[in-house]
Amino acid sequence: MRQAGRLLPATQETIVDVKDSNGNLLADGDSVVLTKDLKVKGANTTLKRGTVIKNIRLTADEEEIEGRTDKVKGLVLKTCFVKKA
């Protein structure tokens, strides 16, 4: 059972609520759309606004998510630059 900011007895992990730039809750497996052109460090490429990132994974940090595109694998994005698709 998911509860915001509380310790769950079975897992003993703190579950954080991850929100996109519009305030919508994100979950593992969601798809998001970029709201801004982003330069990718180390890949010499730019992800354009409107690019869809499928099957995101949440991290321990509520301001970051992990995902992948056709161009870049192992991508870490700030939630302030994405919105739920």
PDB file of N, CA and C in Angstrom:
ATOM      1  N   MET A   1       0.841  -1.182   0.000  1.00  0.00           N
ATOM      2  CA  MET A   1       0.000   0.000   0.000  1.00  0.00           C
ATOM      3  C   MET A   1       0.879   1.236   0.000  1.00  0.00           C
ATOM      4  N   ARG A   2       0.559   2.209  -0.815  1.00  0.00           N
ATOM      5  CA  ARG A   2       1.382   3.394  -0.973  1.00  0.00           C
ATOM      6  C   ARG A   2       0.864   4.521  -0.088  1.00  0.00           C
ATOM      7  N   GLN A   3       1.743   5.044   0.754  1.00  0.00           N
ATOM      8  CA  GLN A   3       1.407   6.186   1.592  1.00  0.00           C
ATOM      9  C   GLN A   3       2.537   7.196   1.471  1.00  0.00           C
ATOM     10  N   ALA A   4       2.201   8.445   1.303  1.00  0.00           N
ATOM     11  CA  ALA A   4       3.199   9.477   1.074  1.00  0.00           C
ATOM     12  C   ALA A   4       3.971   9.793   2.350  1.00  0.00           C
ATOM     13  N   GLY A   5       5.308   9.689   2.262  1.00  0.00           N
ATOM     14  CA  GLY A   5       6.175  10.133   3.343  1.00  0.00           C
ATOM     15  C   GLY A   5       6.140   9.289   4.603  1.00  0.00           C
ATOM     16  N   ARG A   6       5.632   8.088   4.546  1.00  0.00           N
ATOM     17  CA  ARG A   6       5.584   7.232   5.731  1.00  0.00           C
ATOM     18  C   ARG A   6       6.381   5.965   5.489  1.00  0.00           C
ATOM     19  N   LEU A   7       6.833   5.348   6.565  1.00  0.00           N
ATOM     20  CA  LEU A   7       7.530   4.081   6.440  1.00  0.00           C
ATOM     21  C   LEU A   7       6.518   2.958   6.322  1.00  0.00           C
ATOM     22  N   LEU A   8       6.690   2.136   5.343  1.00  0.00           N
ATOM     23  CA  LEU A   8       5.823   0.986   5.175  1.00  0.00           C
ATOM     24  C   LEU A   8       6.439  -0.188   5.938  1.00  0.00           C
ATOM     25  N   PRO A   9       5.660  -0.882   6.748  1.00  0.00           N
ATOM     26  CA  PRO A   9       6.227  -1.927   7.591  1.00  0.00           C
ATOM     27  C   PRO A   9       6.853  -3.084   6.823  1.00  0.00           C
ATOM     28  N   ALA A  10       6.339  -3.458   5.668  1.00  0.00           N
ATOM     29  CA  ALA A  10       6.857  -4.611   4.941  1.00  0.00           C
ATOM     30  C   ALA A  10       8.210  -4.322   4.295  1.00  0.00           C
ATOM     31  N   THR A  11       8.380  -3.125   3.744  1.00  0.00           N
ATOM     32  CA  THR A  11       9.603  -2.825   3.007  1.00  0.00           C
ATOM     33  C   THR A  11      10.551  -1.913   3.771  1.00  0.00           C
ATOM     34  N   GLN A  12      10.057  -1.169   4.728  1.00  0.00           N
ATOM     35  CA  GLN A  12      10.856  -0.221   5.502  1.00  0.00           C
ATOM     36  C   GLN A  12      11.527   0.828   4.618  1.00  0.00           C
ATOM     37  N   GLU A  13      10.861   1.216   3.538  1.00  0.00           N
ATOM     38  CA  GLU A  13      11.357   2.256   2.649  1.00  0.00           C
ATOM     39  C   GLU A  13      10.377   3.415   2.648  1.00  0.00           C
ATOM     40  N   THR A  14      10.904   4.625   2.474  1.00  0.00           N
ATOM     41  CA  THR A  14      10.048   5.787   2.383  1.00  0.00           C
ATOM     42  C   THR A  14       9.619   5.967   0.937  1.00  0.00           C
ATOM     43  N   ILE A  15       8.330   6.033   0.695  1.00  0.00           N
ATOM     44  CA  ILE A  15       7.787   6.239  -0.645  1.00  0.00           C
ATOM     45  C   ILE A  15       7.530   7.734  -0.809  1.00  0.00           C
ATOM     46  N   VAL A  16       8.101   8.326  -1.868  1.00  0.00           N
ATOM     47  CA  VAL A  16       7.900   9.746  -2.125  1.00  0.00           C
ATOM     48  C   VAL A  16       6.952   9.897  -3.301  1.00  0.00           C
ATOM     49  N   ASP A  17       6.205  10.972  -3.306  1.00  0.00           N
ATOM     50  CA  ASP A  17       5.315  11.279  -4.422  1.00  0.00           C
ATOM     51  C   ASP A  17       6.094  12.074  -5.452  1.00  0.00           C
ATOM     52  N   VAL A  18       6.199  11.531  -6.652  1.00  0.00           N
ATOM     53  CA  VAL A  18       6.913  12.188  -7.744  1.00  0.00           C
ATOM     54  C   VAL A  18       5.885  12.845  -8.639  1.00  0.00           C
ATOM     55  N   LYS A  19       6.056  14.153  -8.870  1.00  0.00           N
ATOM     56  CA  LYS A  19       5.103  14.913  -9.674  1.00  0.00           C
ATOM     57  C   LYS A  19       5.795  15.525 -10.873  1.00  0.00           C
ATOM     58  N   ASP A  20       5.049  15.649 -11.982  1.00  0.00           N
ATOM     59  CA  ASP A  20       5.591  16.286 -13.171  1.00  0.00           C
ATOM     60  C   ASP A  20       5.476  17.804 -13.051  1.00  0.00           C
ATOM     61  N   SER A  21       5.769  18.521 -14.122  1.00  0.00           N
ATOM     62  CA  SER A  21       5.758  19.981 -14.087  1.00  0.00           C
ATOM     63  C   SER A  21       4.361  20.558 -13.870  1.00  0.00           C
ATOM     64  N   ASN A  22       3.314  19.789 -14.155  1.00  0.00           N
ATOM     65  CA  ASN A  22       1.937  20.246 -13.950  1.00  0.00           C
ATOM     66  C   ASN A  22       1.349  19.792 -12.631  1.00  0.00           C
ATOM     67  N   GLY A  23       2.096  19.010 -11.859  1.00  0.00           N
ATOM     68  CA  GLY A  23       1.604  18.551 -10.564  1.00  0.00           C
ATOM     69  C   GLY A  23       0.917  17.201 -10.600  1.00  0.00           C
ATOM     70  N   ASN A  24       0.946  16.514 -11.744  1.00  0.00           N
ATOM     71  CA  ASN A  24       0.349  15.176 -11.847  1.00  0.00           C
ATOM     72  C   ASN A  24       1.297  14.149 -11.247  1.00  0.00           C
ATOM     73  N   LEU A  25       0.745  13.164 -10.537  1.00  0.00           N
ATOM     74  CA  LEU A  25       1.563  12.109  -9.948  1.00  0.00           C
ATOM     75  C   LEU A  25       2.087  11.178 -11.031  1.00  0.00           C
ATOM     76  N   LEU A  26       3.365  10.803 -10.917  1.00  0.00           N
ATOM     77  CA  LEU A  26       3.984   9.867 -11.849  1.00  0.00           C
ATOM     78  C   LEU A  26       4.197   8.529 -11.153  1.00  0.00           C
ATOM     79  N   ALA A  27       4.141   7.453 -11.928  1.00  0.00           N
ATOM     80  CA  ALA A  27       4.367   6.112 -11.400  1.00  0.00           C
ATOM     81  C   ALA A  27       5.300   5.360 -12.348  1.00  0.00           C
ATOM     82  N   ASP A  28       5.881   4.267 -11.867  1.00  0.00           N
ATOM     83  CA  ASP A  28       6.725   3.425 -12.713  1.00  0.00           C
ATOM     84  C   ASP A  28       5.927   2.959 -13.921  1.00  0.00           C
ATOM     85  N   GLY A  29       6.547   3.033 -15.110  1.00  0.00           N
ATOM     86  CA  GLY A  29       5.893   2.566 -16.323  1.00  0.00           C
ATOM     87  C   GLY A  29       5.112   3.624 -17.070  1.00  0.00           C
ATOM     88  N   ASP A  30       4.971   4.814 -16.507  1.00  0.00           N
ATOM     89  CA  ASP A  30       4.259   5.896 -17.197  1.00  0.00           C
ATOM     90  C   ASP A  30       5.068   6.394 -18.391  1.00  0.00           C
ATOM     91  N   SER A  31       4.408   7.118 -19.273  1.00  0.00           N
ATOM     92  CA  SER A  31       5.066   7.807 -20.377  1.00  0.00           C
ATOM     93  C   SER A  31       4.998   9.296 -20.110  1.00  0.00           C
ATOM     94  N   VAL A  32       6.075  10.001 -20.442  1.00  0.00           N
ATOM     95  CA  VAL A  32       6.132  11.445 -20.243  1.00  0.00           C
ATOM     96  C   VAL A  32       6.594  12.110 -21.534  1.00  0.00           C
ATOM     97  N   VAL A  33       6.307  13.404 -21.655  1.00  0.00           N
ATOM     98  CA  VAL A  33       6.685  14.201 -22.818  1.00  0.00           C
ATOM     99  C   VAL A  33       7.569  15.340 -22.336  1.00  0.00           C
ATOM    100  N   LEU A  34       8.646  15.619 -23.067  1.00  0.00           N
ATOM    101  CA  LEU A  34       9.537  16.716 -22.713  1.00  0.00           C
ATOM    102  C   LEU A  34       8.866  18.052 -23.003  1.00  0.00           C
ATOM    103  N   THR A  35       9.027  19.015 -22.106  1.00  0.00           N
ATOM    104  CA  THR A  35       8.435  20.336 -22.279  1.00  0.00           C
ATOM    105  C   THR A  35       9.454  21.366 -22.748  1.00  0.00           C
ATOM    106  N   LYS A  36      10.716  20.945 -22.907  1.00  0.00           N
ATOM    107  CA  LYS A  36      11.782  21.864 -23.278  1.00  0.00           C
ATOM    108  C   LYS A  36      12.858  21.079 -24.026  1.00  0.00           C
ATOM    109  N   ASP A  37      13.563  21.724 -24.961  1.00  0.00           N
ATOM    110  CA  ASP A  37      14.709  21.089 -25.606  1.00  0.00           C
ATOM    111  C   ASP A  37      15.804  20.900 -24.565  1.00  0.00           C
ATOM    112  N   LEU A  38      16.367  19.697 -24.484  1.00  0.00           N
ATOM    113  CA  LEU A  38      17.391  19.395 -23.489  1.00  0.00           C
ATOM    114  C   LEU A  38      18.654  18.871 -24.153  1.00  0.00           C
ATOM    115  N   LYS A  39      19.802  19.461 -23.808  1.00  0.00           N
ATOM    116  CA  LYS A  39      21.084  18.963 -24.268  1.00  0.00           C
ATOM    117  C   LYS A  39      21.491  17.823 -23.348  1.00  0.00           C
ATOM    118  N   VAL A  40      21.920  16.719 -23.927  1.00  0.00           N
ATOM    119  CA  VAL A  40      22.304  15.550 -23.149  1.00  0.00           C
ATOM    120  C   VAL A  40      23.811  15.559 -22.961  1.00  0.00           C
ATOM    121  N   LYS A  41      24.243  15.592 -21.709  1.00  0.00           N
ATOM    122  CA  LYS A  41      25.674  15.607 -21.417  1.00  0.00           C
ATOM    123  C   LYS A  41      26.282  14.260 -21.780  1.00  0.00           C
ATOM    124  N   GLY A  42      27.430  14.291 -22.451  1.00  0.00           N
ATOM    125  CA  GLY A  42      28.144  13.075 -22.789  1.00  0.00           C
ATOM    126  C   GLY A  42      27.650  12.372 -24.040  1.00  0.00           C
ATOM    127  N   ALA A  43      26.570  12.826 -24.619  1.00  0.00           N
ATOM    128  CA  ALA A  43      26.040  12.162 -25.812  1.00  0.00           C
ATOM    129  C   ALA A  43      26.074  13.057 -27.047  1.00  0.00           C
ATOM    130  N   ASN A  44      26.408  14.315 -26.888  1.00  0.00           N
ATOM    131  CA  ASN A  44      26.459  15.272 -28.002  1.00  0.00           C
ATOM    132  C   ASN A  44      25.190  15.259 -28.834  1.00  0.00           C
ATOM    133  N   THR A  45      24.053  15.240 -28.168  1.00  0.00           N
ATOM    134  CA  THR A  45      22.761  15.255 -28.854  1.00  0.00           C
ATOM    135  C   THR A  45      21.796  16.118 -28.058  1.00  0.00           C
ATOM    136  N   THR A  46      20.745  16.536 -28.713  1.00  0.00           N
ATOM    137  CA  THR A  46      19.703  17.332 -28.067  1.00  0.00           C
ATOM    138  C   THR A  46      18.370  16.611 -28.215  1.00  0.00           C
ATOM    139  N   LEU A  47      17.672  16.454 -27.105  1.00  0.00           N
ATOM    140  CA  LEU A  47      16.323  15.890 -27.139  1.00  0.00           C
ATOM    141  C   LEU A  47      15.354  17.037 -27.342  1.00  0.00           C
ATOM    142  N   LYS A  48      14.546  16.950 -28.356  1.00  0.00           N
ATOM    143  CA  LYS A  48      13.629  18.029 -28.719  1.00  0.00           C
ATOM    144  C   LYS A  48      12.371  18.025 -27.867  1.00  0.00           C
ATOM    145  N   ARG A  49      11.782  19.193 -27.730  1.00  0.00           N
ATOM    146  CA  ARG A  49      10.507  19.345 -27.031  1.00  0.00           C
ATOM    147  C   ARG A  49       9.462  18.475 -27.721  1.00  0.00           C
ATOM    148  N   GLY A  50       8.667  17.763 -26.933  1.00  0.00           N
ATOM    149  CA  GLY A  50       7.652  16.889 -27.483  1.00  0.00           C
ATOM    150  C   GLY A  50       8.091  15.443 -27.605  1.00  0.00           C
ATOM    151  N   THR A  51       9.362  15.155 -27.315  1.00  0.00           N
ATOM    152  CA  THR A  51       9.851  13.777 -27.361  1.00  0.00           C
ATOM    153  C   THR A  51       9.180  12.962 -26.264  1.00  0.00           C
ATOM    154  N   VAL A  52       8.705  11.779 -26.602  1.00  0.00           N
ATOM    155  CA  VAL A  52       8.029  10.909 -25.641  1.00  0.00           C
ATOM    156  C   VAL A  52       9.046   9.952 -25.029  1.00  0.00           C
ATOM    157  N   ILE A  53       9.062   9.890 -23.710  1.00  0.00           N
ATOM    158  CA  ILE A  53       9.891   8.948 -22.964  1.00  0.00           C
ATOM    159  C   ILE A  53       8.937   7.923 -22.373  1.00  0.00           C
ATOM    160  N   LYS A  54       9.061   6.654 -22.802  1.00  0.00           N
ATOM    161  CA  LYS A  54       8.152   5.602 -22.358  1.00  0.00           C
ATOM    162  C   LYS A  54       8.791   4.783 -21.242  1.00  0.00           C
ATOM    163  N   ASN A  55       7.957   4.157 -20.443  1.00  0.00           N
ATOM    164  CA  ASN A  55       8.395   3.246 -19.387  1.00  0.00           C
ATOM    165  C   ASN A  55       9.401   3.879 -18.431  1.00  0.00           C
ATOM    166  N   ILE A  56       9.027   4.980 -17.815  1.00  0.00           N
ATOM    167  CA  ILE A  56       9.931   5.634 -16.876  1.00  0.00           C
ATOM    168  C   ILE A  56      10.038   4.811 -15.599  1.00  0.00           C
ATOM    169  N   ARG A  57      11.125   5.049 -14.873  1.00  0.00           N
ATOM    170  CA  ARG A  57      11.315   4.441 -13.554  1.00  0.00           C
ATOM    171  C   ARG A  57      11.561   5.557 -12.555  1.00  0.00           C
ATOM    172  N   LEU A  58      10.954   5.443 -11.397  1.00  0.00           N
ATOM    173  CA  LEU A  58      11.142   6.428 -10.350  1.00  0.00           C
ATOM    174  C   LEU A  58      12.433   6.139  -9.607  1.00  0.00           C
ATOM    175  N   THR A  59      13.070   7.189  -9.098  1.00  0.00           N
ATOM    176  CA  THR A  59      14.287   7.050  -8.312  1.00  0.00           C
ATOM    177  C   THR A  59      13.987   7.433  -6.874  1.00  0.00           C
ATOM    178  N   ALA A  60      14.981   7.343  -6.025  1.00  0.00           N
ATOM    179  CA  ALA A  60      14.812   7.735  -4.625  1.00  0.00           C
ATOM    180  C   ALA A  60      14.628   9.242  -4.492  1.00  0.00           C
ATOM    181  N   ASP A  61      15.111   9.993  -5.474  1.00  0.00           N
ATOM    182  CA  ASP A  61      14.973  11.449  -5.485  1.00  0.00           C
ATOM    183  C   ASP A  61      13.659  11.817  -6.152  1.00  0.00           C
ATOM    184  N   GLU A  62      12.829  12.605  -5.478  1.00  0.00           N
ATOM    185  CA  GLU A  62      11.520  12.962  -6.042  1.00  0.00           C
ATOM    186  C   GLU A  62      11.603  13.928  -7.208  1.00  0.00           C
ATOM    187  N   GLU A  63      12.772  14.504  -7.479  1.00  0.00           N
ATOM    188  CA  GLU A  63      12.926  15.442  -8.580  1.00  0.00           C
ATOM    189  C   GLU A  63      13.562  14.809  -9.815  1.00  0.00           C
ATOM    190  N   GLU A  64      13.839  13.490  -9.795  1.00  0.00           N
ATOM    191  CA  GLU A  64      14.477  12.836 -10.926  1.00  0.00           C
ATOM    192  C   GLU A  64      13.749  11.544 -11.289  1.00  0.00           C
ATOM    193  N   ILE A  65      13.743  11.246 -12.592  1.00  0.00           N
ATOM    194  CA  ILE A  65      13.221   9.969 -13.094  1.00  0.00           C
ATOM    195  C   ILE A  65      14.237   9.401 -14.070  1.00  0.00           C
ATOM    196  N   GLU A  66      14.150   8.099 -14.321  1.00  0.00           N
ATOM    197  CA  GLU A  66      15.017   7.448 -15.292  1.00  0.00           C
ATOM    198  C   GLU A  66      14.175   6.994 -16.472  1.00  0.00           C
ATOM    199  N   GLY A  67      14.773   7.040 -17.651  1.00  0.00           N
ATOM    200  CA  GLY A  67      14.075   6.602 -18.846  1.00  0.00           C
ATOM    201  C   GLY A  67      15.059   6.348 -19.962  1.00  0.00           C
ATOM    202  N   ARG A  68      14.527   6.074 -21.147  1.00  0.00           N
ATOM    203  CA  ARG A  68      15.376   5.855 -22.308  1.00  0.00           C
ATOM    204  C   ARG A  68      14.630   6.257 -23.566  1.00  0.00           C
ATOM    205  N   THR A  69      15.399   6.677 -24.563  1.00  0.00           N
ATOM    206  CA  THR A  69      14.845   7.005 -25.874  1.00  0.00           C
ATOM    207  C   THR A  69      15.590   6.184 -26.912  1.00  0.00           C
ATOM    208  N   ASP A  70      15.247   6.364 -28.167  1.00  0.00           N
ATOM    209  CA  ASP A  70      15.959   5.672 -29.238  1.00  0.00           C
ATOM    210  C   ASP A  70      17.410   6.143 -29.324  1.00  0.00           C
ATOM    211  N   LYS A  71      17.635   7.423 -29.025  1.00  0.00           N
ATOM    212  CA  LYS A  71      18.968   8.007 -29.138  1.00  0.00           C
ATOM    213  C   LYS A  71      19.831   7.778 -27.905  1.00  0.00           C
ATOM    214  N   VAL A  72      19.221   7.835 -26.713  1.00  0.00           N
ATOM    215  CA  VAL A  72      19.985   7.808 -25.463  1.00  0.00           C
ATOM    216  C   VAL A  72      19.411   6.749 -24.527  1.00  0.00           C
ATOM    217  N   LYS A  73      20.286   5.890 -24.024  1.00  0.00           N
ATOM    218  CA  LYS A  73      19.880   4.881 -23.042  1.00  0.00           C
ATOM    219  C   LYS A  73      20.360   5.337 -21.664  1.00  0.00           C
ATOM    220  N   GLY A  74      19.659   4.960 -20.611  1.00  0.00           N
ATOM    221  CA  GLY A  74      20.082   5.309 -19.260  1.00  0.00           C
ATOM    222  C   GLY A  74      19.993   6.798 -18.985  1.00  0.00           C
ATOM    223  N   LEU A  75      18.900   7.402 -19.352  1.00  0.00           N
ATOM    224  CA  LEU A  75      18.698   8.837 -19.251  1.00  0.00           C
ATOM    225  C   LEU A  75      18.092   9.196 -17.897  1.00  0.00           C
ATOM    226  N   VAL A  76      18.648  10.203 -17.229  1.00  0.00           N
ATOM    227  CA  VAL A  76      18.082  10.708 -15.977  1.00  0.00           C
ATOM    228  C   VAL A  76      17.560  12.110 -16.251  1.00  0.00           C
ATOM    229  N   LEU A  77      16.270  12.322 -15.970  1.00  0.00           N
ATOM    230  CA  LEU A  77      15.624  13.601 -16.262  1.00  0.00           C
ATOM    231  C   LEU A  77      15.079  14.249 -15.003  1.00  0.00           C
ATOM    232  N   LYS A  78      15.122  15.566 -14.963  1.00  0.00           N
ATOM    233  CA  LYS A  78      14.465  16.324 -13.895  1.00  0.00           C
ATOM    234  C   LYS A  78      12.973  16.365 -14.192  1.00  0.00           C
ATOM    235  N   THR A  79      12.163  16.210 -13.159  1.00  0.00           N
ATOM    236  CA  THR A  79      10.716  16.182 -13.351  1.00  0.00           C
ATOM    237  C   THR A  79      10.150  17.535 -13.752  1.00  0.00           C
ATOM    238  N   CYS A  80      10.885  18.610 -13.546  1.00  0.00           N
ATOM    239  CA  CYS A  80      10.383  19.931 -13.926  1.00  0.00           C
ATOM    240  C   CYS A  80      10.380  20.134 -15.446  1.00  0.00           C
ATOM    241  N   PHE A  81      11.021  19.229 -16.211  1.00  0.00           N
ATOM    242  CA  PHE A  81      11.072  19.341 -17.666  1.00  0.00           C
ATOM    243  C   PHE A  81      10.181  18.345 -18.381  1.00  0.00           C
ATOM    244  N   VAL A  82       9.317  17.623 -17.644  1.00  0.00           N
ATOM    245  CA  VAL A  82       8.453  16.634 -18.277  1.00  0.00           C
ATOM    246  C   VAL A  82       7.008  16.816 -17.817  1.00  0.00           C
ATOM    247  N   LYS A  83       6.093  16.333 -18.657  1.00  0.00           N
ATOM    248  CA  LYS A  83       4.686  16.277 -18.261  1.00  0.00           C
ATOM    249  C   LYS A  83       4.157  14.897 -18.630  1.00  0.00           C
ATOM    250  N   LYS A  84       3.173  14.436 -17.898  1.00  0.00           N
ATOM    251  CA  LYS A  84       2.617  13.105 -18.111  1.00  0.00           C
ATOM    252  C   LYS A  84       1.888  13.058 -19.451  1.00  0.00           C
ATOM    253  N   ALA A  85       2.102  11.985 -20.193  1.00  0.00           N
ATOM    254  CA  ALA A  85       1.457  11.837 -21.500  1.00  0.00           C
ATOM    255  C   ALA A  85       0.086  11.221 -21.353  1.00  0.00           C
TER     256      ALA A  85
END
